[in-house]
Amino acid sequence: MRQRFHLIGLLIFAAMLLPAVSQAQSGSVEKRESGRTTTTSVTPVRQGVLMRNGKMMEIQGKGYAPLTKARTFPNGSTLQPNGTLTVTGGEVLQLNEGDRMDLQGNLTRSPVVVQRSSTVTGDTTGIGKQLLQAQQMNERLKLLQEKQRVLQLKSELLQQTVQSKPDAASLKKLDADISAVQKQIAAQE
């Protein structure tokens, strides 16, 4: 009878604990780009064509109109509505966000600043632990790569010493480097 009571109590406790465990793993990180794309140039473009929000746009006064057909400029360059530019020499370029062309066909590349945001929702304690573990694994990977590099150097030196007389000072230095990397790896564990 007493065992049944303990068993029933344990089952009720487990049923109450289950939602808490599932909530602890419900954290998420969402990254997105939002806002307007702004160029860093200080001179506003008053004439020509520019790539804006992924589309080629003709500048008309104070507004913009989409480029609907290929346009040939006086310098011989041809611009397609998808942003592909064929210059006079036959070279093909793809325009990026903020790139613009004046009425003569001269291309001006423009750096772009895009507003980005990250949103963290839910219980993030598990995410923090996972990020910490990932950072530790990344550090360990770097140390192991360094150890591999030093061992490769030692192997090359040993191959050279087989062909010529040994260089004990170089071998001792490489052994010391390997020992230092192994100590760093052991300290992380």
N, C-alpha and C. Protein backbone atom coordinates (compact mmCIF):
# COMPACT_ATOMS: atom_id res chain seq x y z
N MET A 1 0.82 -1.19 0.00
CA MET A 1 0.00 0.00 0.00
C MET A 1 0.87 1.27 0.00
N ARG A 2 1.89 1.24 0.84
CA ARG A 2 2.78 2.37 0.94
C ARG A 2 3.55 2.56 -0.38
N GLN A 3 3.92 1.46 -1.02
CA GLN A 3 4.64 1.54 -2.29
C GLN A 3 3.75 2.15 -3.37
N ARG A 4 2.48 1.80 -3.37
CA ARG A 4 1.55 2.38 -4.34
C ARG A 4 1.43 3.88 -4.13
N PHE A 5 1.36 4.31 -2.87
CA PHE A 5 1.26 5.72 -2.55
C PHE A 5 2.49 6.47 -3.08
N HIS A 6 3.69 5.91 -2.87
CA HIS A 6 4.91 6.52 -3.37
C HIS A 6 4.92 6.55 -4.90
N LEU A 7 4.46 5.48 -5.52
CA LEU A 7 4.42 5.41 -6.98
C LEU A 7 3.46 6.45 -7.55
N ILE A 8 2.28 6.58 -6.96
CA ILE A 8 1.30 7.56 -7.43
C ILE A 8 1.83 8.98 -7.21
N GLY A 9 2.45 9.23 -6.07
CA GLY A 9 3.04 10.54 -5.79
C GLY A 9 4.14 10.87 -6.78
N LEU A 10 4.96 9.90 -7.12
CA LEU A 10 6.04 10.10 -8.08
C LEU A 10 5.48 10.41 -9.47
N LEU A 11 4.42 9.72 -9.87
CA LEU A 11 3.80 9.98 -11.17
C LEU A 11 3.19 11.38 -11.23
N ILE A 12 2.53 11.80 -10.16
CA ILE A 12 1.95 13.15 -10.12
C ILE A 12 3.05 14.20 -10.18
N PHE A 13 4.13 13.98 -9.44
CA PHE A 13 5.27 14.90 -9.46
C PHE A 13 5.87 15.00 -10.87
N ALA A 14 6.03 13.85 -11.54
CA ALA A 14 6.57 13.84 -12.89
C ALA A 14 5.65 14.57 -13.86
N ALA A 15 4.34 14.40 -13.71
CA ALA A 15 3.38 15.08 -14.58
C ALA A 15 3.44 16.59 -14.38
N MET A 16 3.68 17.04 -13.15
CA MET A 16 3.78 18.47 -12.89
C MET A 16 5.10 19.03 -13.39
N LEU A 17 6.15 18.24 -13.39
CA LEU A 17 7.47 18.67 -13.80
C LEU A 17 7.62 18.72 -15.32
N LEU A 18 6.88 17.92 -16.05
CA LEU A 18 6.99 17.81 -17.50
C LEU A 18 6.81 19.15 -18.22
N PRO A 19 5.78 19.96 -17.91
CA PRO A 19 5.66 21.25 -18.61
C PRO A 19 6.83 22.18 -18.33
N ALA A 20 7.38 22.15 -17.13
CA ALA A 20 8.51 23.01 -16.80
C ALA A 20 9.74 22.62 -17.61
N VAL A 21 9.95 21.33 -17.81
CA VAL A 21 11.10 20.86 -18.59
C VAL A 21 10.93 21.27 -20.05
N SER A 22 9.72 21.15 -20.58
CA SER A 22 9.51 21.52 -21.98
C SER A 22 9.64 23.02 -22.17
N GLN A 23 9.28 23.84 -21.18
CA GLN A 23 9.44 25.27 -21.30
C GLN A 23 10.90 25.67 -21.25
N ALA A 24 11.72 24.93 -20.54
CA ALA A 24 13.13 25.27 -20.41
C ALA A 24 13.85 25.15 -21.73
N GLN A 25 13.30 24.42 -22.67
CA GLN A 25 13.97 24.23 -23.95
C GLN A 25 13.24 24.96 -25.07
N SER A 26 12.43 25.95 -24.75
CA SER A 26 11.64 26.62 -25.77
C SER A 26 12.24 27.95 -26.22
N GLY A 27 13.46 28.26 -25.86
CA GLY A 27 14.06 29.51 -26.26
C GLY A 27 14.43 29.50 -27.73
N SER A 28 14.41 30.67 -28.35
CA SER A 28 14.79 30.76 -29.75
C SER A 28 15.42 32.12 -30.02
N VAL A 29 16.25 32.17 -31.05
CA VAL A 29 16.88 33.40 -31.48
C VAL A 29 16.44 33.64 -32.92
N GLU A 30 15.89 34.80 -33.18
CA GLU A 30 15.42 35.14 -34.52
C GLU A 30 16.21 36.33 -35.02
N LYS A 31 16.81 36.20 -36.19
CA LYS A 31 17.56 37.31 -36.78
C LYS A 31 16.83 37.75 -38.04
N ARG A 32 16.76 39.05 -38.24
CA ARG A 32 16.09 39.54 -39.44
C ARG A 32 16.64 40.91 -39.80
N GLU A 33 16.48 41.24 -41.06
CA GLU A 33 16.83 42.56 -41.54
C GLU A 33 15.54 43.36 -41.64
N SER A 34 15.59 44.57 -41.15
CA SER A 34 14.39 45.39 -41.20
C SER A 34 14.79 46.84 -41.41
N GLY A 35 13.80 47.66 -41.66
CA GLY A 35 14.06 49.08 -41.83
C GLY A 35 14.39 49.41 -43.26
N ARG A 36 14.72 50.65 -43.50
CA ARG A 36 15.03 51.10 -44.85
C ARG A 36 16.51 50.94 -45.12
N THR A 37 16.82 50.68 -46.35
CA THR A 37 18.20 50.62 -46.78
C THR A 37 18.66 52.04 -47.08
N THR A 38 19.76 52.42 -46.48
CA THR A 38 20.25 53.77 -46.70
C THR A 38 21.67 53.71 -47.22
N THR A 39 22.00 54.57 -48.16
CA THR A 39 23.36 54.62 -48.67
C THR A 39 24.13 55.65 -47.87
N THR A 40 25.44 55.48 -47.83
CA THR A 40 26.26 56.39 -47.02
C THR A 40 26.74 57.59 -47.82
N SER A 41 26.38 57.70 -49.09
CA SER A 41 26.85 58.83 -49.88
C SER A 41 26.16 60.11 -49.39
N VAL A 42 26.86 61.23 -49.51
CA VAL A 42 26.30 62.48 -49.05
C VAL A 42 25.64 63.26 -50.19
N THR A 43 25.99 62.96 -51.43
CA THR A 43 25.42 63.65 -52.57
C THR A 43 24.21 62.88 -53.08
N PRO A 44 23.03 63.47 -53.06
CA PRO A 44 21.87 62.75 -53.57
C PRO A 44 21.95 62.62 -55.08
N VAL A 45 21.47 61.50 -55.59
CA VAL A 45 21.47 61.26 -57.02
C VAL A 45 20.21 61.91 -57.58
N ARG A 46 20.38 62.76 -58.61
CA ARG A 46 19.23 63.45 -59.17
C ARG A 46 18.84 62.89 -60.54
N GLN A 47 19.76 62.20 -61.18
CA GLN A 47 19.49 61.63 -62.50
C GLN A 47 20.22 60.31 -62.61
N GLY A 48 19.66 59.38 -63.39
CA GLY A 48 20.33 58.11 -63.63
C GLY A 48 19.49 56.94 -63.18
N VAL A 49 20.19 55.84 -62.89
CA VAL A 49 19.54 54.59 -62.49
C VAL A 49 20.28 54.06 -61.27
N LEU A 50 19.53 53.50 -60.31
CA LEU A 50 20.19 52.92 -59.14
C LEU A 50 19.48 51.65 -58.71
N MET A 51 20.23 50.79 -58.00
CA MET A 51 19.66 49.56 -57.44
C MET A 51 19.12 49.92 -56.07
N ARG A 52 17.80 49.78 -55.91
CA ARG A 52 17.16 50.13 -54.65
C ARG A 52 16.23 49.01 -54.23
N ASN A 53 16.45 48.48 -53.03
CA ASN A 53 15.65 47.38 -52.49
C ASN A 53 15.60 46.19 -53.46
N GLY A 54 16.75 45.92 -54.10
CA GLY A 54 16.86 44.76 -54.98
C GLY A 54 16.32 44.96 -56.38
N LYS A 55 15.89 46.17 -56.72
CA LYS A 55 15.32 46.43 -58.05
C LYS A 55 16.03 47.62 -58.69
N MET A 56 16.15 47.58 -60.01
CA MET A 56 16.72 48.71 -60.74
C MET A 56 15.64 49.78 -60.86
N MET A 57 15.97 51.00 -60.43
CA MET A 57 15.01 52.10 -60.44
C MET A 57 15.59 53.29 -61.19
N GLU A 58 14.77 53.89 -62.08
CA GLU A 58 15.15 55.12 -62.76
C GLU A 58 14.76 56.29 -61.88
N ILE A 59 15.66 57.26 -61.77
CA ILE A 59 15.38 58.43 -60.95
C ILE A 59 14.65 59.44 -61.83
N GLN A 60 13.46 59.83 -61.40
CA GLN A 60 12.64 60.78 -62.17
C GLN A 60 12.23 61.91 -61.24
N GLY A 61 12.96 63.01 -61.33
CA GLY A 61 12.65 64.15 -60.46
C GLY A 61 12.89 63.77 -59.01
N LYS A 62 11.82 63.80 -58.22
CA LYS A 62 11.93 63.44 -56.81
C LYS A 62 11.47 62.03 -56.53
N GLY A 63 11.09 61.28 -57.58
CA GLY A 63 10.59 59.93 -57.37
C GLY A 63 11.41 58.89 -58.13
N TYR A 64 10.95 57.65 -58.06
CA TYR A 64 11.62 56.54 -58.71
C TYR A 64 10.59 55.75 -59.52
N ALA A 65 11.06 55.19 -60.63
CA ALA A 65 10.22 54.31 -61.45
C ALA A 65 11.04 53.07 -61.78
N PRO A 66 10.44 51.89 -61.75
CA PRO A 66 11.20 50.68 -62.06
C PRO A 66 11.70 50.66 -63.50
N LEU A 67 12.90 50.13 -63.69
CA LEU A 67 13.47 49.97 -65.03
C LEU A 67 12.81 48.73 -65.64
N THR A 68 12.05 48.91 -66.71
CA THR A 68 11.27 47.80 -67.27
C THR A 68 11.92 47.16 -68.48
N LYS A 69 12.85 47.87 -69.15
CA LYS A 69 13.52 47.29 -70.32
C LYS A 69 14.99 47.70 -70.30
N ALA A 70 15.79 47.00 -71.09
CA ALA A 70 17.23 47.27 -71.14
C ALA A 70 17.47 48.70 -71.58
N ARG A 71 18.51 49.30 -71.02
CA ARG A 71 18.83 50.69 -71.35
C ARG A 71 20.29 50.76 -71.78
N THR A 72 20.53 51.41 -72.91
CA THR A 72 21.88 51.59 -73.43
C THR A 72 22.29 53.04 -73.17
N PHE A 73 23.50 53.22 -72.63
CA PHE A 73 23.99 54.54 -72.27
C PHE A 73 24.94 55.05 -73.36
N PRO A 74 25.23 56.38 -73.38
CA PRO A 74 26.10 56.95 -74.41
C PRO A 74 27.51 56.34 -74.47
N ASN A 75 28.02 55.80 -73.36
CA ASN A 75 29.36 55.20 -73.39
C ASN A 75 29.34 53.77 -73.90
N GLY A 76 28.17 53.24 -74.29
CA GLY A 76 28.07 51.90 -74.85
C GLY A 76 27.67 50.83 -73.85
N SER A 77 27.56 51.17 -72.59
CA SER A 77 27.16 50.20 -71.57
C SER A 77 25.67 49.92 -71.69
N THR A 78 25.29 48.65 -71.40
CA THR A 78 23.89 48.26 -71.44
C THR A 78 23.50 47.71 -70.08
N LEU A 79 22.39 48.22 -69.54
CA LEU A 79 21.90 47.81 -68.23
C LEU A 79 20.58 47.08 -68.40
N GLN A 80 20.51 45.87 -67.83
CA GLN A 80 19.28 45.06 -67.87
C GLN A 80 18.44 45.35 -66.63
N PRO A 81 17.14 45.12 -66.69
CA PRO A 81 16.28 45.36 -65.52
C PRO A 81 16.64 44.51 -64.29
N ASN A 82 17.35 43.38 -64.49
CA ASN A 82 17.73 42.54 -63.35
C ASN A 82 19.02 43.00 -62.68
N GLY A 83 19.63 44.10 -63.18
CA GLY A 83 20.83 44.65 -62.57
C GLY A 83 22.12 44.19 -63.21
N THR A 84 22.03 43.46 -64.33
CA THR A 84 23.23 43.02 -65.04
C THR A 84 23.69 44.14 -65.97
N LEU A 85 24.95 44.52 -65.84
CA LEU A 85 25.52 45.60 -66.64
C LEU A 85 26.57 45.01 -67.57
N THR A 86 26.44 45.28 -68.86
CA THR A 86 27.45 44.87 -69.84
C THR A 86 28.17 46.14 -70.27
N VAL A 87 29.46 46.25 -69.91
CA VAL A 87 30.23 47.44 -70.25
C VAL A 87 30.76 47.33 -71.67
N THR A 88 31.35 48.41 -72.18
CA THR A 88 31.79 48.49 -73.56
C THR A 88 32.73 47.37 -73.96
N GLY A 89 33.63 46.96 -73.10
CA GLY A 89 34.60 45.91 -73.42
C GLY A 89 34.00 44.51 -73.41
N GLY A 90 32.74 44.36 -73.05
CA GLY A 90 32.10 43.05 -73.01
C GLY A 90 32.06 42.44 -71.62
N GLU A 91 32.67 43.10 -70.65
CA GLU A 91 32.66 42.58 -69.28
C GLU A 91 31.25 42.71 -68.70
N VAL A 92 30.82 41.67 -67.98
CA VAL A 92 29.48 41.66 -67.39
C VAL A 92 29.61 41.82 -65.88
N LEU A 93 28.89 42.79 -65.33
CA LEU A 93 28.90 43.06 -63.89
C LEU A 93 27.49 42.94 -63.34
N GLN A 94 27.39 42.59 -62.07
CA GLN A 94 26.09 42.56 -61.39
C GLN A 94 26.06 43.71 -60.40
N LEU A 95 25.09 44.59 -60.53
CA LEU A 95 24.97 45.71 -59.60
C LEU A 95 24.41 45.22 -58.27
N ASN A 96 24.90 45.81 -57.20
CA ASN A 96 24.45 45.49 -55.85
C ASN A 96 23.63 46.64 -55.29
N GLU A 97 23.05 46.43 -54.14
CA GLU A 97 22.22 47.44 -53.49
C GLU A 97 22.99 48.74 -53.33
N GLY A 98 22.41 49.85 -53.80
CA GLY A 98 23.03 51.16 -53.67
C GLY A 98 23.90 51.56 -54.84
N ASP A 99 24.29 50.63 -55.72
CA ASP A 99 25.09 50.99 -56.89
C ASP A 99 24.24 51.83 -57.83
N ARG A 100 24.89 52.81 -58.49
CA ARG A 100 24.12 53.70 -59.37
C ARG A 100 24.91 54.01 -60.64
N MET A 101 24.17 54.43 -61.65
CA MET A 101 24.76 54.83 -62.93
C MET A 101 24.23 56.20 -63.29
N ASP A 102 25.13 57.06 -63.78
CA ASP A 102 24.66 58.37 -64.22
C ASP A 102 24.16 58.26 -65.66
N LEU A 103 23.71 59.37 -66.23
CA LEU A 103 23.14 59.34 -67.57
C LEU A 103 24.17 59.03 -68.66
N GLN A 104 25.46 59.17 -68.35
CA GLN A 104 26.50 58.87 -69.33
C GLN A 104 26.87 57.38 -69.32
N GLY A 105 26.48 56.66 -68.27
CA GLY A 105 26.78 55.24 -68.17
C GLY A 105 27.93 54.93 -67.23
N ASN A 106 28.32 55.89 -66.42
CA ASN A 106 29.41 55.68 -65.46
C ASN A 106 28.84 55.03 -64.20
N LEU A 107 29.46 53.93 -63.79
CA LEU A 107 29.02 53.17 -62.63
C LEU A 107 29.68 53.71 -61.37
N THR A 108 28.89 53.90 -60.33
CA THR A 108 29.41 54.30 -59.02
C THR A 108 28.95 53.26 -58.01
N ARG A 109 29.93 52.56 -57.43
CA ARG A 109 29.61 51.57 -56.39
C ARG A 109 29.40 52.32 -55.09
N SER A 110 28.43 51.88 -54.32
CA SER A 110 28.09 52.58 -53.08
C SER A 110 27.96 51.59 -51.95
N PRO A 111 28.67 51.84 -50.83
CA PRO A 111 28.46 50.97 -49.67
C PRO A 111 27.06 51.20 -49.10
N VAL A 112 26.50 50.16 -48.52
CA VAL A 112 25.13 50.22 -48.03
C VAL A 112 25.09 49.87 -46.55
N VAL A 113 24.27 50.56 -45.80
CA VAL A 113 24.04 50.25 -44.40
C VAL A 113 22.62 49.72 -44.29
N VAL A 114 22.47 48.49 -43.83
CA VAL A 114 21.15 47.89 -43.67
C VAL A 114 20.91 47.71 -42.18
N GLN A 115 19.73 48.10 -41.72
CA GLN A 115 19.41 47.94 -40.31
C GLN A 115 19.10 46.48 -40.03
N ARG A 116 19.76 45.91 -39.03
CA ARG A 116 19.55 44.51 -38.66
C ARG A 116 19.15 44.44 -37.20
N SER A 117 18.35 43.43 -36.88
CA SER A 117 17.96 43.25 -35.48
C SER A 117 17.90 41.77 -35.15
N SER A 118 18.14 41.46 -33.90
CA SER A 118 18.02 40.10 -33.40
C SER A 118 17.05 40.11 -32.23
N THR A 119 16.17 39.12 -32.20
CA THR A 119 15.19 39.01 -31.13
C THR A 119 15.35 37.68 -30.44
N VAL A 120 15.49 37.71 -29.13
CA VAL A 120 15.60 36.49 -28.35
C VAL A 120 14.29 36.34 -27.58
N THR A 121 13.65 35.17 -27.72
CA THR A 121 12.38 34.94 -27.04
C THR A 121 12.44 33.66 -26.24
N GLY A 122 11.58 33.57 -25.25
CA GLY A 122 11.47 32.34 -24.46
C GLY A 122 12.55 32.25 -23.40
N ASP A 123 12.69 31.06 -22.86
CA ASP A 123 13.68 30.79 -21.83
C ASP A 123 15.02 30.57 -22.51
N THR A 124 15.97 31.46 -22.29
CA THR A 124 17.23 31.41 -23.00
C THR A 124 18.36 30.78 -22.21
N THR A 125 18.09 30.20 -21.05
CA THR A 125 19.18 29.61 -20.27
C THR A 125 19.83 28.47 -21.03
N GLY A 126 19.06 27.68 -21.72
CA GLY A 126 19.63 26.58 -22.50
C GLY A 126 20.45 27.07 -23.66
N ILE A 127 20.02 28.17 -24.29
CA ILE A 127 20.74 28.72 -25.43
C ILE A 127 22.10 29.23 -24.98
N GLY A 128 22.15 29.91 -23.83
CA GLY A 128 23.43 30.42 -23.33
C GLY A 128 24.42 29.30 -23.08
N LYS A 129 23.95 28.20 -22.51
CA LYS A 129 24.83 27.05 -22.26
C LYS A 129 25.32 26.47 -23.58
N GLN A 130 24.43 26.38 -24.56
CA GLN A 130 24.82 25.83 -25.85
C GLN A 130 25.84 26.73 -26.54
N LEU A 131 25.65 28.05 -26.45
CA LEU A 131 26.62 28.97 -27.04
C LEU A 131 27.97 28.85 -26.35
N LEU A 132 27.97 28.72 -25.03
CA LEU A 132 29.22 28.55 -24.29
C LEU A 132 29.92 27.27 -24.70
N GLN A 133 29.16 26.18 -24.83
CA GLN A 133 29.75 24.91 -25.26
C GLN A 133 30.31 25.04 -26.67
N ALA A 134 29.60 25.74 -27.55
CA ALA A 134 30.08 25.91 -28.92
C ALA A 134 31.38 26.72 -28.94
N GLN A 135 31.47 27.76 -28.10
CA GLN A 135 32.70 28.55 -28.03
C GLN A 135 33.86 27.71 -27.50
N GLN A 136 33.59 26.89 -26.48
CA GLN A 136 34.64 26.03 -25.94
C GLN A 136 35.11 25.02 -26.98
N MET A 137 34.16 24.46 -27.72
CA MET A 137 34.54 23.50 -28.77
C MET A 137 35.34 24.19 -29.87
N ASN A 138 34.99 25.44 -30.18
CA ASN A 138 35.72 26.19 -31.20
C ASN A 138 37.15 26.46 -30.74
N GLU A 139 37.33 26.83 -29.47
CA GLU A 139 38.67 27.06 -28.93
C GLU A 139 39.49 25.77 -28.95
N ARG A 140 38.86 24.66 -28.58
CA ARG A 140 39.55 23.37 -28.60
C ARG A 140 39.96 23.00 -30.03
N LEU A 141 39.08 23.26 -30.98
CA LEU A 141 39.38 22.98 -32.38
C LEU A 141 40.58 23.79 -32.85
N LYS A 142 40.65 25.07 -32.45
CA LYS A 142 41.79 25.90 -32.83
C LYS A 142 43.08 25.35 -32.24
N LEU A 143 43.02 24.91 -30.97
CA LEU A 143 44.22 24.34 -30.35
C LEU A 143 44.65 23.06 -31.04
N LEU A 144 43.68 22.22 -31.39
CA LEU A 144 44.02 20.98 -32.09
C LEU A 144 44.60 21.26 -33.47
N GLN A 145 44.10 22.28 -34.14
CA GLN A 145 44.66 22.66 -35.44
C GLN A 145 46.08 23.17 -35.28
N GLU A 146 46.33 23.93 -34.22
CA GLU A 146 47.69 24.41 -33.95
C GLU A 146 48.62 23.23 -33.67
N LYS A 147 48.14 22.26 -32.89
CA LYS A 147 48.94 21.07 -32.61
C LYS A 147 49.24 20.32 -33.90
N GLN A 148 48.24 20.20 -34.76
CA GLN A 148 48.45 19.52 -36.04
C GLN A 148 49.50 20.25 -36.88
N ARG A 149 49.45 21.59 -36.87
CA ARG A 149 50.42 22.37 -37.64
C ARG A 149 51.84 22.15 -37.11
N VAL A 150 52.00 22.17 -35.79
CA VAL A 150 53.32 21.98 -35.19
C VAL A 150 53.82 20.57 -35.46
N LEU A 151 52.94 19.58 -35.35
CA LEU A 151 53.35 18.20 -35.65
C LEU A 151 53.76 18.04 -37.11
N GLN A 152 53.08 18.75 -38.01
CA GLN A 152 53.44 18.70 -39.42
C GLN A 152 54.83 19.30 -39.63
N LEU A 153 55.12 20.41 -38.94
CA LEU A 153 56.45 21.01 -39.03
C LEU A 153 57.51 20.05 -38.51
N LYS A 154 57.21 19.38 -37.40
CA LYS A 154 58.15 18.42 -36.82
C LYS A 154 58.38 17.27 -37.79
N SER A 155 57.32 16.80 -38.41
CA SER A 155 57.44 15.71 -39.38
C SER A 155 58.33 16.11 -40.55
N GLU A 156 58.11 17.34 -41.05
CA GLU A 156 58.94 17.82 -42.16
C GLU A 156 60.40 17.93 -41.74
N LEU A 157 60.64 18.42 -40.53
CA LEU A 157 62.01 18.55 -40.03
C LEU A 157 62.65 17.18 -39.86
N LEU A 158 61.89 16.22 -39.35
CA LEU A 158 62.44 14.86 -39.20
C LEU A 158 62.76 14.25 -40.56
N GLN A 159 61.94 14.51 -41.56
CA GLN A 159 62.23 14.00 -42.90
C GLN A 159 63.51 14.62 -43.45
N GLN A 160 63.70 15.91 -43.15
CA GLN A 160 64.93 16.56 -43.60
C GLN A 160 66.14 16.00 -42.87
N THR A 161 65.98 15.70 -41.57
CA THR A 161 67.11 15.20 -40.80
C THR A 161 67.51 13.80 -41.23
N VAL A 162 66.57 13.04 -41.75
CA VAL A 162 66.91 11.72 -42.26
C VAL A 162 67.84 11.88 -43.46
N GLN A 163 67.61 12.91 -44.24
CA GLN A 163 68.41 13.14 -45.44
C GLN A 163 69.71 13.87 -45.12
N SER A 164 69.75 14.62 -44.03
CA SER A 164 70.97 15.33 -43.64
C SER A 164 71.20 15.13 -42.15
N LYS A 165 72.15 15.85 -41.59
CA LYS A 165 72.43 15.68 -40.17
C LYS A 165 71.32 16.30 -39.31
N PRO A 166 71.04 15.71 -38.13
CA PRO A 166 69.95 16.20 -37.28
C PRO A 166 70.24 17.57 -36.68
N ASP A 167 69.18 18.34 -36.49
CA ASP A 167 69.25 19.66 -35.85
C ASP A 167 68.51 19.55 -34.52
N ALA A 168 69.23 19.24 -33.46
CA ALA A 168 68.63 18.97 -32.16
C ALA A 168 67.92 20.20 -31.59
N ALA A 169 68.44 21.38 -31.81
CA ALA A 169 67.83 22.59 -31.25
C ALA A 169 66.43 22.81 -31.84
N SER A 170 66.28 22.60 -33.13
CA SER A 170 64.97 22.78 -33.78
C SER A 170 63.98 21.73 -33.28
N LEU A 171 64.46 20.49 -33.12
CA LEU A 171 63.58 19.43 -32.62
C LEU A 171 63.12 19.73 -31.20
N LYS A 172 64.03 20.23 -30.35
CA LYS A 172 63.67 20.56 -28.98
C LYS A 172 62.64 21.69 -28.94
N LYS A 173 62.80 22.68 -29.82
CA LYS A 173 61.84 23.79 -29.86
C LYS A 173 60.47 23.28 -30.27
N LEU A 174 60.39 22.41 -31.27
CA LEU A 174 59.10 21.87 -31.70
C LEU A 174 58.48 21.00 -30.61
N ASP A 175 59.31 20.22 -29.90
CA ASP A 175 58.79 19.43 -28.79
C ASP A 175 58.21 20.33 -27.69
N ALA A 176 58.87 21.45 -27.44
CA ALA A 176 58.37 22.40 -26.44
C ALA A 176 57.05 23.01 -26.89
N ASP A 177 56.94 23.34 -28.19
CA ASP A 177 55.68 23.88 -28.72
C ASP A 177 54.55 22.87 -28.58
N ILE A 178 54.83 21.62 -28.90
CA ILE A 178 53.81 20.56 -28.79
C ILE A 178 53.38 20.40 -27.33
N SER A 179 54.36 20.44 -26.42
CA SER A 179 54.05 20.31 -25.00
C SER A 179 53.18 21.46 -24.52
N ALA A 180 53.46 22.67 -24.98
CA ALA A 180 52.66 23.83 -24.57
C ALA A 180 51.22 23.72 -25.07
N VAL A 181 51.05 23.28 -26.31
CA VAL A 181 49.69 23.12 -26.85
C VAL A 181 48.95 22.02 -26.11
N GLN A 182 49.65 20.92 -25.78
CA GLN A 182 49.01 19.83 -25.04
C GLN A 182 48.57 20.29 -23.65
N LYS A 183 49.37 21.15 -23.01
CA LYS A 183 49.00 21.68 -21.70
C LYS A 183 47.75 22.55 -21.81
N GLN A 184 47.65 23.35 -22.87
CA GLN A 184 46.46 24.19 -23.06
C GLN A 184 45.23 23.33 -23.28
N ILE A 185 45.38 22.25 -24.04
CA ILE A 185 44.25 21.34 -24.29
C ILE A 185 43.84 20.67 -22.99
N ALA A 186 44.82 20.23 -22.20
CA ALA A 186 44.51 19.57 -20.92
C ALA A 186 43.86 20.54 -19.94
N ALA A 187 44.26 21.80 -19.99
CA ALA A 187 43.67 22.80 -19.08
C ALA A 187 42.21 23.05 -19.41
N GLN A 188 41.82 22.90 -20.66
CA GLN A 188 40.42 23.11 -21.04
C GLN A 188 39.55 21.95 -20.63
N GLU A 189 40.12 20.78 -20.51
CA GLU A 189 39.32 19.60 -20.15
C GLU A 189 39.12 19.57 -18.70
